[in-house]
C-alpha atoms as a PDB file:
ATOM      1  CA  UNK A   1       0.000   0.000   0.000  1.00  0.00           C
ATOM      2  CA  UNK A   2       1.339   3.416  -0.873  1.00  0.00           C
ATOM      3  CA  UNK A   3       1.998   6.057   1.726  1.00  0.00           C
ATOM      4  CA  UNK A   4      -0.602   8.844   1.784  1.00  0.00           C
ATOM      5  CA  UNK A   5       0.935  12.313   1.741  1.00  0.00           C
ATOM      6  CA  UNK A   6      -0.717  15.541   2.845  1.00  0.00           C
ATOM      7  CA  UNK A   7      -3.457  13.764   4.767  1.00  0.00           C
ATOM      8  CA  UNK A   8      -4.993  15.687   7.634  1.00  0.00           C
ATOM      9  CA  UNK A   9      -6.454  14.036  10.721  1.00  0.00           C
ATOM     10  CA  UNK A  10      -8.869  16.854  11.538  1.00  0.00           C
ATOM     11  CA  UNK A  11     -10.148  20.134  10.200  1.00  0.00           C
ATOM     12  CA  UNK A  12      -9.315  23.515  11.708  1.00  0.00           C
ATOM     13  CA  UNK A  13     -10.341  24.161  15.320  1.00  0.00           C
ATOM     14  CA  UNK A  14     -10.449  20.431  16.030  1.00  0.00           C
ATOM     15  CA  UNK A  15     -13.514  19.669  13.905  1.00  0.00           C
ATOM     16  CA  UNK A  16     -13.791  16.263  12.288  1.00  0.00           C
ATOM     17  CA  UNK A  17     -12.953  15.902   8.611  1.00  0.00           C
ATOM     18  CA  UNK A  18     -16.607  15.075   7.921  1.00  0.00           C
ATOM     19  CA  UNK A  19     -17.841  18.248   9.655  1.00  0.00           C
ATOM     20  CA  UNK A  20     -15.169  20.326   7.941  1.00  0.00           C
ATOM     21  CA  UNK A  21     -16.020  18.893   4.523  1.00  0.00           C
ATOM     22  CA  UNK A  22     -19.707  19.539   5.085  1.00  0.00           C
ATOM     23  CA  UNK A  23     -18.968  23.104   6.223  1.00  0.00           C
ATOM     24  CA  UNK A  24     -16.770  23.684   3.167  1.00  0.00           C
ATOM     25  CA  UNK A  25     -19.604  22.498   0.920  1.00  0.00           C
ATOM     26  CA  UNK A  26     -22.215  24.670   2.646  1.00  0.00           C
ATOM     27  CA  UNK A  27     -20.062  27.824   2.757  1.00  0.00           C
ATOM     28  CA  UNK A  28     -19.050  27.283  -0.876  1.00  0.00           C
ATOM     29  CA  UNK A  29     -22.699  26.843  -1.824  1.00  0.00           C
ATOM     30  CA  UNK A  30     -23.704  30.072  -0.063  1.00  0.00           C
ATOM     31  CA  UNK A  31     -20.907  32.075  -1.715  1.00  0.00           C
ATOM     32  CA  UNK A  32     -21.720  30.575  -5.129  1.00  0.00           C
ATOM     33  CA  UNK A  33     -25.415  31.475  -4.787  1.00  0.00           C
ATOM     34  CA  UNK A  34     -24.502  35.048  -3.811  1.00  0.00           C
ATOM     35  CA  UNK A  35     -22.024  35.162  -6.722  1.00  0.00           C
ATOM     36  CA  UNK A  36     -24.646  33.876  -9.153  1.00  0.00           C
ATOM     37  CA  UNK A  37     -27.137  36.516  -8.032  1.00  0.00           C
ATOM     38  CA  UNK A  38     -24.483  39.211  -8.419  1.00  0.00           C
ATOM     39  CA  UNK A  39     -23.569  37.808 -11.851  1.00  0.00           C
ATOM     40  CA  UNK A  40     -27.199  38.118 -12.928  1.00  0.00           C
ATOM     41  CA  UNK A  41     -27.270  41.678 -11.580  1.00  0.00           C
ATOM     42  CA  UNK A  42     -24.139  42.585 -13.535  1.00  0.00           C
ATOM     43  CA  UNK A  43     -25.343  40.862 -16.703  1.00  0.00           C
ATOM     44  CA  UNK A  44     -28.697  42.629 -16.627  1.00  0.00           C
ATOM     45  CA  UNK A  45     -26.865  45.940 -16.222  1.00  0.00           C
ATOM     46  CA  UNK A  46     -24.840  45.345 -19.398  1.00  0.00           C
ATOM     47  CA  UNK A  47     -21.605  43.959 -17.939  1.00  0.00           C
ATOM     48  CA  UNK A  48     -20.848  40.823 -19.951  1.00  0.00           C
ATOM     49  CA  UNK A  49     -18.405  39.543 -17.306  1.00  0.00           C
ATOM     50  CA  UNK A  50     -21.469  39.077 -15.098  1.00  0.00           C
ATOM     51  CA  UNK A  51     -22.791  36.329 -17.366  1.00  0.00           C
ATOM     52  CA  UNK A  52     -19.424  34.557 -17.286  1.00  0.00           C
ATOM     53  CA  UNK A  53     -19.420  34.831 -13.481  1.00  0.00           C
ATOM     54  CA  UNK A  54     -22.966  33.428 -13.439  1.00  0.00           C
ATOM     55  CA  UNK A  55     -21.901  30.331 -15.381  1.00  0.00           C
ATOM     56  CA  UNK A  56     -18.863  29.777 -13.136  1.00  0.00           C
ATOM     57  CA  UNK A  57     -21.004  30.162 -10.025  1.00  0.00           C
ATOM     58  CA  UNK A  58     -23.650  27.769 -11.377  1.00  0.00           C
ATOM     59  CA  UNK A  59     -20.916  25.167 -11.893  1.00  0.00           C
ATOM     60  CA  UNK A  60     -19.720  25.834  -8.340  1.00  0.00           C
ATOM     61  CA  UNK A  61     -23.268  25.404  -7.022  1.00  0.00           C
ATOM     62  CA  UNK A  62     -23.482  21.986  -8.688  1.00  0.00           C
ATOM     63  CA  UNK A  63     -20.049  20.993  -7.343  1.00  0.00           C
ATOM     64  CA  UNK A  64     -20.921  22.057  -3.803  1.00  0.00           C
ATOM     65  CA  UNK A  65     -24.208  20.165  -3.997  1.00  0.00           C
ATOM     66  CA  UNK A  66     -22.275  17.071  -5.118  1.00  0.00           C
ATOM     67  CA  UNK A  67     -19.855  17.512  -2.202  1.00  0.00           C
ATOM     68  CA  UNK A  68     -22.645  17.944   0.339  1.00  0.00           C
ATOM     69  CA  UNK A  69     -24.475  14.887  -0.997  1.00  0.00           C
ATOM     70  CA  UNK A  70     -21.238  12.884  -1.047  1.00  0.00           C
ATOM     71  CA  UNK A  71     -20.550  13.756   2.591  1.00  0.00           C
ATOM     72  CA  UNK A  72     -24.126  13.026   3.659  1.00  0.00           C
ATOM     73  CA  UNK A  73     -24.152   9.629   1.915  1.00  0.00           C
ATOM     74  CA  UNK A  74     -20.466   8.926   2.640  1.00  0.00           C
ATOM     75  CA  UNK A  75     -19.782   8.325  -1.062  1.00  0.00           C
ATOM     76  CA  UNK A  76     -16.071   8.678  -1.768  1.00  0.00           C
ATOM     77  CA  UNK A  77     -16.624   9.036  -5.526  1.00  0.00           C
ATOM     78  CA  UNK A  78     -18.859  12.087  -5.142  1.00  0.00           C
ATOM     79  CA  UNK A  79     -16.448  13.703  -2.706  1.00  0.00           C
ATOM     80  CA  UNK A  80     -13.500  13.091  -5.050  1.00  0.00           C
ATOM     81  CA  UNK A  81     -15.359  14.749  -7.950  1.00  0.00           C
ATOM     82  CA  UNK A  82     -15.341  17.962  -5.917  1.00  0.00           C
ATOM     83  CA  UNK A  83     -11.656  17.493  -5.022  1.00  0.00           C
ATOM     84  CA  UNK A  84     -10.484  16.998  -8.609  1.00  0.00           C
ATOM     85  CA  UNK A  85     -12.571  19.723 -10.222  1.00  0.00           C
ATOM     86  CA  UNK A  86     -11.726  22.204  -7.459  1.00  0.00           C
ATOM     87  CA  UNK A  87      -8.008  21.395  -7.742  1.00  0.00           C
ATOM     88  CA  UNK A  88      -8.164  22.063 -11.489  1.00  0.00           C
ATOM     89  CA  UNK A  89     -10.017  25.341 -10.902  1.00  0.00           C
ATOM     90  CA  UNK A  90      -7.427  26.387  -8.307  1.00  0.00           C
ATOM     91  CA  UNK A  91      -4.609  25.706 -10.770  1.00  0.00           C
ATOM     92  CA  UNK A  92      -6.368  27.747 -13.467  1.00  0.00           C
ATOM     93  CA  UNK A  93      -7.001  30.593 -11.017  1.00  0.00           C
ATOM     94  CA  UNK A  94      -3.365  30.620  -9.915  1.00  0.00           C
ATOM     95  CA  UNK A  95      -2.112  30.780 -13.506  1.00  0.00           C
ATOM     96  CA  UNK A  96      -4.577  33.526 -14.459  1.00  0.00           C
ATOM     97  CA  UNK A  97      -3.890  35.393 -11.217  1.00  0.00           C
ATOM     98  CA  UNK A  98      -0.125  35.329 -11.721  1.00  0.00           C
ATOM     99  CA  UNK A  99      -0.543  36.549 -15.294  1.00  0.00           C
ATOM    100  CA  UNK A 100      -2.816  39.343 -14.056  1.00  0.00           C
ATOM    101  CA  UNK A 101      -0.353  40.308 -11.339  1.00  0.00           C
ATOM    102  CA  UNK A 102       2.552  40.364 -13.802  1.00  0.00           C
ATOM    103  CA  UNK A 103       0.588  42.537 -16.219  1.00  0.00           C
ATOM    104  CA  UNK A 104      -0.674  44.993 -13.583  1.00  0.00           C
ATOM    105  CA  UNK A 105       2.196  44.747 -11.040  1.00  0.00           C
ATOM    106  CA  UNK A 106      -0.422  44.780  -8.306  1.00  0.00           C
ATOM    107  CA  UNK A 107       1.222  43.747  -5.009  1.00  0.00           C
ATOM    108  CA  UNK A 108      -2.046  43.915  -3.042  1.00  0.00           C
ATOM    109  CA  UNK A 109      -3.660  41.656  -5.623  1.00  0.00           C
ATOM    110  CA  UNK A 110      -0.769  39.201  -5.221  1.00  0.00           C
ATOM    111  CA  UNK A 111      -1.227  39.079  -1.443  1.00  0.00           C
ATOM    112  CA  UNK A 112      -4.995  38.588  -1.786  1.00  0.00           C
ATOM    113  CA  UNK A 113      -4.470  35.863  -4.413  1.00  0.00           C
ATOM    114  CA  UNK A 114      -1.961  34.090  -2.161  1.00  0.00           C
ATOM    115  CA  UNK A 115      -4.323  34.137   0.837  1.00  0.00           C
ATOM    116  CA  UNK A 116      -7.377  32.985  -1.124  1.00  0.00           C
ATOM    117  CA  UNK A 117      -5.482  30.206  -2.897  1.00  0.00           C
ATOM    118  CA  UNK A 118      -3.914  29.029   0.393  1.00  0.00           C
ATOM    119  CA  UNK A 119      -7.386  28.748   1.933  1.00  0.00           C
ATOM    120  CA  UNK A 120      -8.706  26.963  -1.171  1.00  0.00           C
ATOM    121  CA  UNK A 121      -5.810  24.482  -1.133  1.00  0.00           C
ATOM    122  CA  UNK A 122      -6.397  23.819   2.572  1.00  0.00           C
ATOM    123  CA  UNK A 123     -10.081  23.132   1.825  1.00  0.00           C
ATOM    124  CA  UNK A 124      -9.093  20.653  -0.892  1.00  0.00           C
ATOM    125  CA  UNK A 125      -6.734  18.931   1.559  1.00  0.00           C
ATOM    126  CA  UNK A 126      -9.494  18.662   4.168  1.00  0.00           C
ATOM    127  CA  UNK A 127     -12.013  17.191   1.726  1.00  0.00           C
ATOM    128  CA  UNK A 128      -9.396  14.883   0.162  1.00  0.00           C
ATOM    129  CA  UNK A 129      -8.408  13.655   3.626  1.00  0.00           C
ATOM    130  CA  UNK A 130     -12.067  12.964   4.355  1.00  0.00           C
ATOM    131  CA  UNK A 131     -12.362  10.981   1.101  1.00  0.00           C
ATOM    132  CA  UNK A 132      -9.273   8.956   2.024  1.00  0.00           C
ATOM    133  CA  UNK A 133     -10.773   8.253   5.435  1.00  0.00           C
ATOM    134  CA  UNK A 134     -13.927   7.031   3.687  1.00  0.00           C
ATOM    135  CA  UNK A 135     -11.968   4.568   1.573  1.00  0.00           C
ATOM    136  CA  UNK A 136     -10.102   3.386   4.690  1.00  0.00           C
ATOM    137  CA  UNK A 137     -13.384   2.823   6.517  1.00  0.00           C
ATOM    138  CA  UNK A 138     -15.060   1.146   3.550  1.00  0.00           C
ATOM    139  CA  UNK A 139     -16.984   4.102   2.054  1.00  0.00           C
ATOM    140  CA  UNK A 140     -18.380   3.505  -1.421  1.00  0.00           C
ATOM    141  CA  UNK A 141     -16.609   4.500  -4.620  1.00  0.00           C
ATOM    142  CA  UNK A 142     -19.722   5.790  -6.357  1.00  0.00           C
END
């Protein structure tokens, strides 16, 4: 059996991985709903970026719903869908953020990007650790 790297035993403040994963899904869902509403507001007011934001937030809503359902049913496969897609989105955001920072030379933007991406990576580690604990305890793959 291979050694598991970057596996957490608990979430922040001593919460269980299950509680942390559920909280991550719920908080993500709330932010995505607010973002979708704001995207609609921007789109209606003629800002085309608002429609793009709406689509991204709708995808995030679906992902968070999958995560919440995966945690509730203890389905490792559903939880790992969130982990993989979120990891890909983080990588894309980092690349685009670094390009934006290089173009604008915005130090404050770099600090904000670093903080947000660090939190996002920690969330992925928490949910991934929960999925690994599911497979260790016999949680389903689908």
